[in-house]
């Protein structure tokens, strides 16, 4: 079942992106949650359980805070790097799965993971360049950083879908997002606020139960929010192509032929 209409939309619509994103998740719940658990939830849970064994007073909600970094420096750095790489694999694999679904096909674990692994190095390069650019932008009054983040927000989907290379994908994202960046800003603000609300709500459960239960809850929240953000970015890429070029899902799928 194809969730995106063949008729060219007049502009980028947040509601349509949300509808298509959750439709993709609904049709492929096991796949999406499985990829999120594999690349996000499980690594987070393993690290937190390790930290609990080292310090029973460890609070899963403090992951990434300064005291944890200094307290478990070598492991924290290694875990942070591994988590970063796995997050890139998650995004790329969900891009592939999302496009396959929107084309009316049945995405698979093997194919999604294989595509993600094959694009790991250029995905890492894009993430690094975008991170440096956005970071510098934030140092220069914040707003430039936000604009650069929006400008390159669909660079990874463009890379996976069109195989344009690192700089070509960043340029492609720039062109696709032109004229739709305020709408994209609204979309990602909603997603970020929702993610924060989920973290706060589940943080209460973490504080209440603590220990292993708190670690599991925090890992679950991380998996779900990472999954939704990655799929929304992929659906946004499809939406932007349809708005600017009238490109149908079937045309997108031909790239994989």
C-alpha atoms as a PDB file:
ATOM      1  CA  UNK A   1       0.000   0.000   0.000  1.00  0.00           C
ATOM      2  CA  UNK A   2       1.434   3.336  -1.027  1.00  0.00           C
ATOM      3  CA  UNK A   3       0.748   6.076   1.518  1.00  0.00           C
ATOM      4  CA  UNK A   4       1.891   9.006  -0.568  1.00  0.00           C
ATOM      5  CA  UNK A   5      -0.446  10.323  -3.217  1.00  0.00           C
ATOM      6  CA  UNK A   6       0.608  10.381  -6.864  1.00  0.00           C
ATOM      7  CA  UNK A   7      -0.747  13.911  -7.265  1.00  0.00           C
ATOM      8  CA  UNK A   8       1.909  16.565  -6.838  1.00  0.00           C
ATOM      9  CA  UNK A   9       1.386  18.394  -3.503  1.00  0.00           C
ATOM     10  CA  UNK A  10       1.393  22.184  -3.563  1.00  0.00           C
ATOM     11  CA  UNK A  11       3.678  22.574  -0.547  1.00  0.00           C
ATOM     12  CA  UNK A  12       5.394  20.719   2.262  1.00  0.00           C
ATOM     13  CA  UNK A  13       2.766  19.821   4.835  1.00  0.00           C
ATOM     14  CA  UNK A  14       3.680  18.739   8.358  1.00  0.00           C
ATOM     15  CA  UNK A  15       0.430  16.821   8.816  1.00  0.00           C
ATOM     16  CA  UNK A  16       1.053  14.699   5.735  1.00  0.00           C
ATOM     17  CA  UNK A  17       4.591  13.886   6.911  1.00  0.00           C
ATOM     18  CA  UNK A  18       3.254  12.799  10.304  1.00  0.00           C
ATOM     19  CA  UNK A  19       0.528  10.680   8.710  1.00  0.00           C
ATOM     20  CA  UNK A  20       2.919   8.947   6.343  1.00  0.00           C
ATOM     21  CA  UNK A  21       5.562   8.455   9.041  1.00  0.00           C
ATOM     22  CA  UNK A  22       3.206   6.731  11.461  1.00  0.00           C
ATOM     23  CA  UNK A  23       1.621   4.789   8.595  1.00  0.00           C
ATOM     24  CA  UNK A  24       5.064   3.393   7.724  1.00  0.00           C
ATOM     25  CA  UNK A  25       5.621   2.454  11.370  1.00  0.00           C
ATOM     26  CA  UNK A  26       2.185   0.882  11.622  1.00  0.00           C
ATOM     27  CA  UNK A  27       2.717  -1.306   8.564  1.00  0.00           C
ATOM     28  CA  UNK A  28       6.227  -2.319   9.631  1.00  0.00           C
ATOM     29  CA  UNK A  29       6.132  -2.178  13.422  1.00  0.00           C
ATOM     30  CA  UNK A  30       8.289  -5.261  13.975  1.00  0.00           C
ATOM     31  CA  UNK A  31      10.914  -4.148  11.446  1.00  0.00           C
ATOM     32  CA  UNK A  32      11.084  -0.529  12.622  1.00  0.00           C
ATOM     33  CA  UNK A  33      11.125  -1.361  16.317  1.00  0.00           C
ATOM     34  CA  UNK A  34      13.586  -4.171  15.688  1.00  0.00           C
ATOM     35  CA  UNK A  35      16.042  -1.891  13.881  1.00  0.00           C
ATOM     36  CA  UNK A  36      15.619   0.764  16.579  1.00  0.00           C
ATOM     37  CA  UNK A  37      16.220  -1.791  19.316  1.00  0.00           C
ATOM     38  CA  UNK A  38      19.257  -3.248  17.530  1.00  0.00           C
ATOM     39  CA  UNK A  39      20.991   0.026  16.731  1.00  0.00           C
ATOM     40  CA  UNK A  40      19.766   2.243  19.578  1.00  0.00           C
ATOM     41  CA  UNK A  41      17.929   0.594  22.457  1.00  0.00           C
ATOM     42  CA  UNK A  42      20.107  -2.474  22.997  1.00  0.00           C
ATOM     43  CA  UNK A  43      23.461  -0.608  23.022  1.00  0.00           C
ATOM     44  CA  UNK A  44      22.004   1.963  25.430  1.00  0.00           C
ATOM     45  CA  UNK A  45      20.693  -0.769  27.700  1.00  0.00           C
ATOM     46  CA  UNK A  46      23.991  -2.692  27.685  1.00  0.00           C
ATOM     47  CA  UNK A  47      25.961   0.395  28.675  1.00  0.00           C
ATOM     48  CA  UNK A  48      23.531   1.353  31.416  1.00  0.00           C
ATOM     49  CA  UNK A  49      23.471  -2.148  32.878  1.00  0.00           C
ATOM     50  CA  UNK A  50      27.271  -2.136  32.862  1.00  0.00           C
ATOM     51  CA  UNK A  51      27.252   1.224  34.654  1.00  0.00           C
ATOM     52  CA  UNK A  52      24.834  -0.132  37.256  1.00  0.00           C
ATOM     53  CA  UNK A  53      27.215  -2.980  38.018  1.00  0.00           C
ATOM     54  CA  UNK A  54      30.052  -0.511  38.525  1.00  0.00           C
ATOM     55  CA  UNK A  55      27.952   1.858  40.628  1.00  0.00           C
ATOM     56  CA  UNK A  56      24.559   0.713  42.012  1.00  0.00           C
ATOM     57  CA  UNK A  57      23.654   4.374  42.562  1.00  0.00           C
ATOM     58  CA  UNK A  58      23.984   5.128  38.834  1.00  0.00           C
ATOM     59  CA  UNK A  59      20.968   6.960  37.421  1.00  0.00           C
ATOM     60  CA  UNK A  60      20.194   6.019  33.777  1.00  0.00           C
ATOM     61  CA  UNK A  61      18.840   9.503  33.209  1.00  0.00           C
ATOM     62  CA  UNK A  62      22.328  10.965  33.700  1.00  0.00           C
ATOM     63  CA  UNK A  63      23.812   9.251  30.624  1.00  0.00           C
ATOM     64  CA  UNK A  64      26.123  11.714  28.886  1.00  0.00           C
ATOM     65  CA  UNK A  65      26.435  14.089  31.832  1.00  0.00           C
ATOM     66  CA  UNK A  66      29.814  15.380  32.898  1.00  0.00           C
ATOM     67  CA  UNK A  67      30.205  13.289  36.039  1.00  0.00           C
ATOM     68  CA  UNK A  68      29.496  10.098  34.093  1.00  0.00           C
ATOM     69  CA  UNK A  69      31.973  11.009  31.355  1.00  0.00           C
ATOM     70  CA  UNK A  70      34.723  11.648  33.881  1.00  0.00           C
ATOM     71  CA  UNK A  71      33.764   8.706  36.072  1.00  0.00           C
ATOM     72  CA  UNK A  72      33.836   6.160  33.273  1.00  0.00           C
ATOM     73  CA  UNK A  73      35.985   8.090  30.784  1.00  0.00           C
ATOM     74  CA  UNK A  74      37.378   5.365  28.538  1.00  0.00           C
ATOM     75  CA  UNK A  75      34.185   3.302  28.421  1.00  0.00           C
ATOM     76  CA  UNK A  76      32.011   6.386  28.037  1.00  0.00           C
ATOM     77  CA  UNK A  77      34.073   7.622  25.081  1.00  0.00           C
ATOM     78  CA  UNK A  78      33.999   4.199  23.432  1.00  0.00           C
ATOM     79  CA  UNK A  79      30.289   3.844  24.085  1.00  0.00           C
ATOM     80  CA  UNK A  80      29.653   7.318  22.738  1.00  0.00           C
ATOM     81  CA  UNK A  81      31.509   6.596  19.491  1.00  0.00           C
ATOM     82  CA  UNK A  82      29.786   3.242  19.068  1.00  0.00           C
ATOM     83  CA  UNK A  83      26.409   4.850  19.752  1.00  0.00           C
ATOM     84  CA  UNK A  84      27.106   7.544  17.162  1.00  0.00           C
ATOM     85  CA  UNK A  85      28.002   4.998  14.476  1.00  0.00           C
ATOM     86  CA  UNK A  86      24.990   2.841  15.315  1.00  0.00           C
ATOM     87  CA  UNK A  87      22.694   5.892  15.102  1.00  0.00           C
ATOM     88  CA  UNK A  88      23.956   6.471  11.552  1.00  0.00           C
ATOM     89  CA  UNK A  89      23.227   2.849  10.670  1.00  0.00           C
ATOM     90  CA  UNK A  90      19.759   3.219  12.160  1.00  0.00           C
ATOM     91  CA  UNK A  91      18.944   6.298  10.104  1.00  0.00           C
ATOM     92  CA  UNK A  92      20.222   4.820   6.845  1.00  0.00           C
ATOM     93  CA  UNK A  93      18.453   1.482   7.387  1.00  0.00           C
ATOM     94  CA  UNK A  94      15.151   3.215   8.165  1.00  0.00           C
ATOM     95  CA  UNK A  95      15.506   5.427   5.084  1.00  0.00           C
ATOM     96  CA  UNK A  96      15.739   2.294   2.966  1.00  0.00           C
ATOM     97  CA  UNK A  97      12.844   0.612   4.768  1.00  0.00           C
ATOM     98  CA  UNK A  98      10.653   3.714   4.488  1.00  0.00           C
ATOM     99  CA  UNK A  99      11.173   4.121   0.741  1.00  0.00           C
ATOM    100  CA  UNK A 100      10.530   0.427   0.149  1.00  0.00           C
ATOM    101  CA  UNK A 101       7.285   0.648   2.114  1.00  0.00           C
ATOM    102  CA  UNK A 102       6.083   3.782   0.344  1.00  0.00           C
ATOM    103  CA  UNK A 103       6.728   1.992  -2.942  1.00  0.00           C
ATOM    104  CA  UNK A 104       4.310  -0.733  -1.896  1.00  0.00           C
ATOM    105  CA  UNK A 105       7.035  -3.290  -1.205  1.00  0.00           C
ATOM    106  CA  UNK A 106       7.791  -5.216   1.960  1.00  0.00           C
ATOM    107  CA  UNK A 107      11.073  -3.982   3.485  1.00  0.00           C
ATOM    108  CA  UNK A 108      13.298  -6.559   5.163  1.00  0.00           C
ATOM    109  CA  UNK A 109      15.889  -6.546   7.938  1.00  0.00           C
ATOM    110  CA  UNK A 110      18.627  -7.937   5.728  1.00  0.00           C
ATOM    111  CA  UNK A 111      18.176  -5.486   2.884  1.00  0.00           C
ATOM    112  CA  UNK A 112      17.796  -2.468   5.186  1.00  0.00           C
ATOM    113  CA  UNK A 113      20.902  -3.324   7.186  1.00  0.00           C
ATOM    114  CA  UNK A 114      22.949  -4.149   4.076  1.00  0.00           C
ATOM    115  CA  UNK A 115      22.147  -0.754   2.539  1.00  0.00           C
ATOM    116  CA  UNK A 116      22.982   1.025   5.785  1.00  0.00           C
ATOM    117  CA  UNK A 117      26.353  -0.723   6.072  1.00  0.00           C
ATOM    118  CA  UNK A 118      27.245   0.007   2.444  1.00  0.00           C
ATOM    119  CA  UNK A 119      26.693   3.731   3.037  1.00  0.00           C
ATOM    120  CA  UNK A 120      28.290   3.914   6.479  1.00  0.00           C
ATOM    121  CA  UNK A 121      31.459   5.822   5.535  1.00  0.00           C
ATOM    122  CA  UNK A 122      29.765   8.554   3.450  1.00  0.00           C
ATOM    123  CA  UNK A 123      26.994   8.790   6.054  1.00  0.00           C
ATOM    124  CA  UNK A 124      29.639   9.317   8.725  1.00  0.00           C
ATOM    125  CA  UNK A 125      31.329  11.987   6.572  1.00  0.00           C
ATOM    126  CA  UNK A 126      28.033  13.840   6.076  1.00  0.00           C
ATOM    127  CA  UNK A 127      27.231  13.668   9.787  1.00  0.00           C
ATOM    128  CA  UNK A 128      30.680  14.984  10.639  1.00  0.00           C
ATOM    129  CA  UNK A 129      30.533  17.882   8.167  1.00  0.00           C
ATOM    130  CA  UNK A 130      26.982  18.779   9.147  1.00  0.00           C
ATOM    131  CA  UNK A 131      27.906  18.617  12.828  1.00  0.00           C
ATOM    132  CA  UNK A 132      30.894  20.902  12.328  1.00  0.00           C
ATOM    133  CA  UNK A 133      28.908  23.348  10.217  1.00  0.00           C
ATOM    134  CA  UNK A 134      25.926  23.456  12.562  1.00  0.00           C
ATOM    135  CA  UNK A 135      28.191  23.720  15.596  1.00  0.00           C
ATOM    136  CA  UNK A 136      30.006  26.679  14.100  1.00  0.00           C
ATOM    137  CA  UNK A 137      26.667  28.226  13.184  1.00  0.00           C
ATOM    138  CA  UNK A 138      25.436  27.936  16.768  1.00  0.00           C
ATOM    139  CA  UNK A 139      28.581  29.674  17.951  1.00  0.00           C
ATOM    140  CA  UNK A 140      27.685  32.565  15.630  1.00  0.00           C
ATOM    141  CA  UNK A 141      24.353  33.584  17.224  1.00  0.00           C
ATOM    142  CA  UNK A 142      22.450  30.246  17.094  1.00  0.00           C
ATOM    143  CA  UNK A 143      20.174  31.124  14.142  1.00  0.00           C
ATOM    144  CA  UNK A 144      22.801  30.273  11.491  1.00  0.00           C
ATOM    145  CA  UNK A 145      23.198  26.881  13.131  1.00  0.00           C
ATOM    146  CA  UNK A 146      19.464  26.201  12.929  1.00  0.00           C
ATOM    147  CA  UNK A 147      19.336  27.266   9.278  1.00  0.00           C
ATOM    148  CA  UNK A 148      22.279  25.026   8.378  1.00  0.00           C
ATOM    149  CA  UNK A 149      20.699  22.090  10.219  1.00  0.00           C
ATOM    150  CA  UNK A 150      17.498  22.564   8.193  1.00  0.00           C
ATOM    151  CA  UNK A 151      19.446  23.075   4.963  1.00  0.00           C
ATOM    152  CA  UNK A 152      21.146  19.676   5.349  1.00  0.00           C
ATOM    153  CA  UNK A 153      18.328  17.847   7.126  1.00  0.00           C
ATOM    154  CA  UNK A 154      17.689  15.371   4.283  1.00  0.00           C
ATOM    155  CA  UNK A 155      21.296  14.882   3.176  1.00  0.00           C
ATOM    156  CA  UNK A 156      21.429  11.285   4.441  1.00  0.00           C
ATOM    157  CA  UNK A 157      18.174  10.233   2.716  1.00  0.00           C
ATOM    158  CA  UNK A 158      19.488  11.872  -0.474  1.00  0.00           C
ATOM    159  CA  UNK A 159      22.730   9.928  -0.107  1.00  0.00           C
ATOM    160  CA  UNK A 160      21.051   6.569   0.435  1.00  0.00           C
ATOM    161  CA  UNK A 161      18.381   7.119  -2.196  1.00  0.00           C
ATOM    162  CA  UNK A 162      20.267   8.879  -4.988  1.00  0.00           C
ATOM    163  CA  UNK A 163      23.900   7.863  -4.375  1.00  0.00           C
ATOM    164  CA  UNK A 164      25.216  11.381  -4.962  1.00  0.00           C
ATOM    165  CA  UNK A 165      28.225  11.180  -2.681  1.00  0.00           C
ATOM    166  CA  UNK A 166      28.938  13.320   0.360  1.00  0.00           C
ATOM    167  CA  UNK A 167      29.007  16.826  -1.112  1.00  0.00           C
ATOM    168  CA  UNK A 168      26.451  16.024  -3.795  1.00  0.00           C
ATOM    169  CA  UNK A 169      23.976  14.820  -1.172  1.00  0.00           C
ATOM    170  CA  UNK A 170      24.498  17.934   0.953  1.00  0.00           C
ATOM    171  CA  UNK A 171      23.936  20.117  -2.115  1.00  0.00           C
ATOM    172  CA  UNK A 172      20.866  18.065  -3.017  1.00  0.00           C
ATOM    173  CA  UNK A 173      19.459  18.585   0.481  1.00  0.00           C
ATOM    174  CA  UNK A 174      20.086  22.309   0.168  1.00  0.00           C
ATOM    175  CA  UNK A 175      18.105  22.441  -3.079  1.00  0.00           C
ATOM    176  CA  UNK A 176      15.237  20.259  -1.880  1.00  0.00           C
ATOM    177  CA  UNK A 177      14.710  22.132   1.383  1.00  0.00           C
ATOM    178  CA  UNK A 178      14.743  25.566  -0.266  1.00  0.00           C
ATOM    179  CA  UNK A 179      11.369  27.220   0.302  1.00  0.00           C
ATOM    180  CA  UNK A 180      10.269  24.611   2.861  1.00  0.00           C
ATOM    181  CA  UNK A 181      12.668  25.233   5.732  1.00  0.00           C
ATOM    182  CA  UNK A 182      10.159  26.988   7.998  1.00  0.00           C
ATOM    183  CA  UNK A 183       7.823  24.018   7.640  1.00  0.00           C
ATOM    184  CA  UNK A 184      10.713  21.652   8.341  1.00  0.00           C
ATOM    185  CA  UNK A 185      11.583  23.756  11.371  1.00  0.00           C
ATOM    186  CA  UNK A 186       8.033  23.344  12.658  1.00  0.00           C
ATOM    187  CA  UNK A 187       8.147  19.591  12.058  1.00  0.00           C
ATOM    188  CA  UNK A 188      11.389  19.064  13.938  1.00  0.00           C
ATOM    189  CA  UNK A 189      10.357  21.378  16.787  1.00  0.00           C
ATOM    190  CA  UNK A 190       7.236  19.263  17.284  1.00  0.00           C
ATOM    191  CA  UNK A 191       9.284  16.060  17.188  1.00  0.00           C
ATOM    192  CA  UNK A 192      11.883  17.382  19.609  1.00  0.00           C
ATOM    193  CA  UNK A 193       9.270  18.672  22.045  1.00  0.00           C
ATOM    194  CA  UNK A 194       7.461  15.323  21.871  1.00  0.00           C
ATOM    195  CA  UNK A 195      10.745  13.485  22.480  1.00  0.00           C
ATOM    196  CA  UNK A 196      11.498  15.678  25.499  1.00  0.00           C
ATOM    197  CA  UNK A 197       7.995  15.103  26.865  1.00  0.00           C
ATOM    198  CA  UNK A 198       8.430  11.326  26.494  1.00  0.00           C
ATOM    199  CA  UNK A 199      11.827  11.465  28.181  1.00  0.00           C
ATOM    200  CA  UNK A 200      10.409  13.482  31.075  1.00  0.00           C
ATOM    201  CA  UNK A 201       7.414  11.190  31.484  1.00  0.00           C
ATOM    202  CA  UNK A 202       9.527   8.049  31.392  1.00  0.00           C
ATOM    203  CA  UNK A 203      12.125   9.759  33.564  1.00  0.00           C
ATOM    204  CA  UNK A 204       9.539   9.717  36.323  1.00  0.00           C
ATOM    205  CA  UNK A 205       9.298   5.946  35.944  1.00  0.00           C
ATOM    206  CA  UNK A 206      13.092   5.753  35.945  1.00  0.00           C
ATOM    207  CA  UNK A 207      13.274   7.702  39.191  1.00  0.00           C
ATOM    208  CA  UNK A 208      10.462   5.665  40.698  1.00  0.00           C
ATOM    209  CA  UNK A 209      11.811   2.209  39.914  1.00  0.00           C
ATOM    210  CA  UNK A 210      15.496   2.912  39.299  1.00  0.00           C
ATOM    211  CA  UNK A 211      18.028   0.154  38.670  1.00  0.00           C
ATOM    212  CA  UNK A 212      17.397  -2.328  35.867  1.00  0.00           C
ATOM    213  CA  UNK A 213      13.785  -1.260  35.302  1.00  0.00           C
ATOM    214  CA  UNK A 214      14.875   2.351  34.877  1.00  0.00           C
ATOM    215  CA  UNK A 215      17.575   1.306  32.401  1.00  0.00           C
ATOM    216  CA  UNK A 216      15.059  -0.688  30.333  1.00  0.00           C
ATOM    217  CA  UNK A 217      12.573   2.181  30.293  1.00  0.00           C
ATOM    218  CA  UNK A 218      15.239   4.675  29.242  1.00  0.00           C
ATOM    219  CA  UNK A 219      16.489   2.359  26.471  1.00  0.00           C
ATOM    220  CA  UNK A 220      12.911   1.922  25.231  1.00  0.00           C
ATOM    221  CA  UNK A 221      12.392   5.686  25.092  1.00  0.00           C
ATOM    222  CA  UNK A 222      15.656   6.133  23.210  1.00  0.00           C
ATOM    223  CA  UNK A 223      14.644   3.470  20.668  1.00  0.00           C
ATOM    224  CA  UNK A 224      11.227   4.954  19.969  1.00  0.00           C
ATOM    225  CA  UNK A 225      12.351   8.566  19.644  1.00  0.00           C
ATOM    226  CA  UNK A 226      15.302   7.623  17.407  1.00  0.00           C
ATOM    227  CA  UNK A 227      13.025   5.557  15.184  1.00  0.00           C
ATOM    228  CA  UNK A 228      10.417   8.287  14.756  1.00  0.00           C
ATOM    229  CA  UNK A 229      13.017  10.980  14.008  1.00  0.00           C
ATOM    230  CA  UNK A 230      14.749   8.825  11.385  1.00  0.00           C
ATOM    231  CA  UNK A 231      11.540   7.830   9.619  1.00  0.00           C
ATOM    232  CA  UNK A 232      10.238  11.415   9.676  1.00  0.00           C
ATOM    233  CA  UNK A 233      13.446  12.579   7.977  1.00  0.00           C
ATOM    234  CA  UNK A 234      13.039   9.926   5.270  1.00  0.00           C
ATOM    235  CA  UNK A 235       9.373  10.804   4.691  1.00  0.00           C
ATOM    236  CA  UNK A 236      10.300  14.505   4.603  1.00  0.00           C
ATOM    237  CA  UNK A 237      12.773  13.762   1.812  1.00  0.00           C
ATOM    238  CA  UNK A 238      10.052  12.036  -0.225  1.00  0.00           C
ATOM    239  CA  UNK A 239       7.633  14.883   0.469  1.00  0.00           C
ATOM    240  CA  UNK A 240      10.197  17.497  -0.595  1.00  0.00           C
ATOM    241  CA  UNK A 241      10.899  15.686  -3.851  1.00  0.00           C
ATOM    242  CA  UNK A 242       7.213  15.538  -4.649  1.00  0.00           C
ATOM    243  CA  UNK A 243       6.705  19.219  -3.813  1.00  0.00           C
ATOM    244  CA  UNK A 244       9.656  20.467  -5.875  1.00  0.00           C
ATOM    245  CA  UNK A 245       9.749  17.922  -8.687  1.00  0.00           C
ATOM    246  CA  UNK A 246       6.472  16.026  -8.680  1.00  0.00           C
ATOM    247  CA  UNK A 247       8.508  12.829  -8.314  1.00  0.00           C
ATOM    248  CA  UNK A 248       6.374   9.791  -7.597  1.00  0.00           C
ATOM    249  CA  UNK A 249       7.363   6.929  -5.324  1.00  0.00           C
ATOM    250  CA  UNK A 250       7.685   4.609  -8.300  1.00  0.00           C
ATOM    251  CA  UNK A 251      10.302   6.944  -9.788  1.00  0.00           C
ATOM    252  CA  UNK A 252      12.189   6.922  -6.505  1.00  0.00           C
ATOM    253  CA  UNK A 253      12.219   3.141  -6.495  1.00  0.00           C
ATOM    254  CA  UNK A 254      13.755   2.992  -9.988  1.00  0.00           C
ATOM    255  CA  UNK A 255      16.984   4.351  -8.495  1.00  0.00           C
ATOM    256  CA  UNK A 256      17.453   1.014  -6.734  1.00  0.00           C
ATOM    257  CA  UNK A 257      17.003  -1.014  -9.906  1.00  0.00           C
END
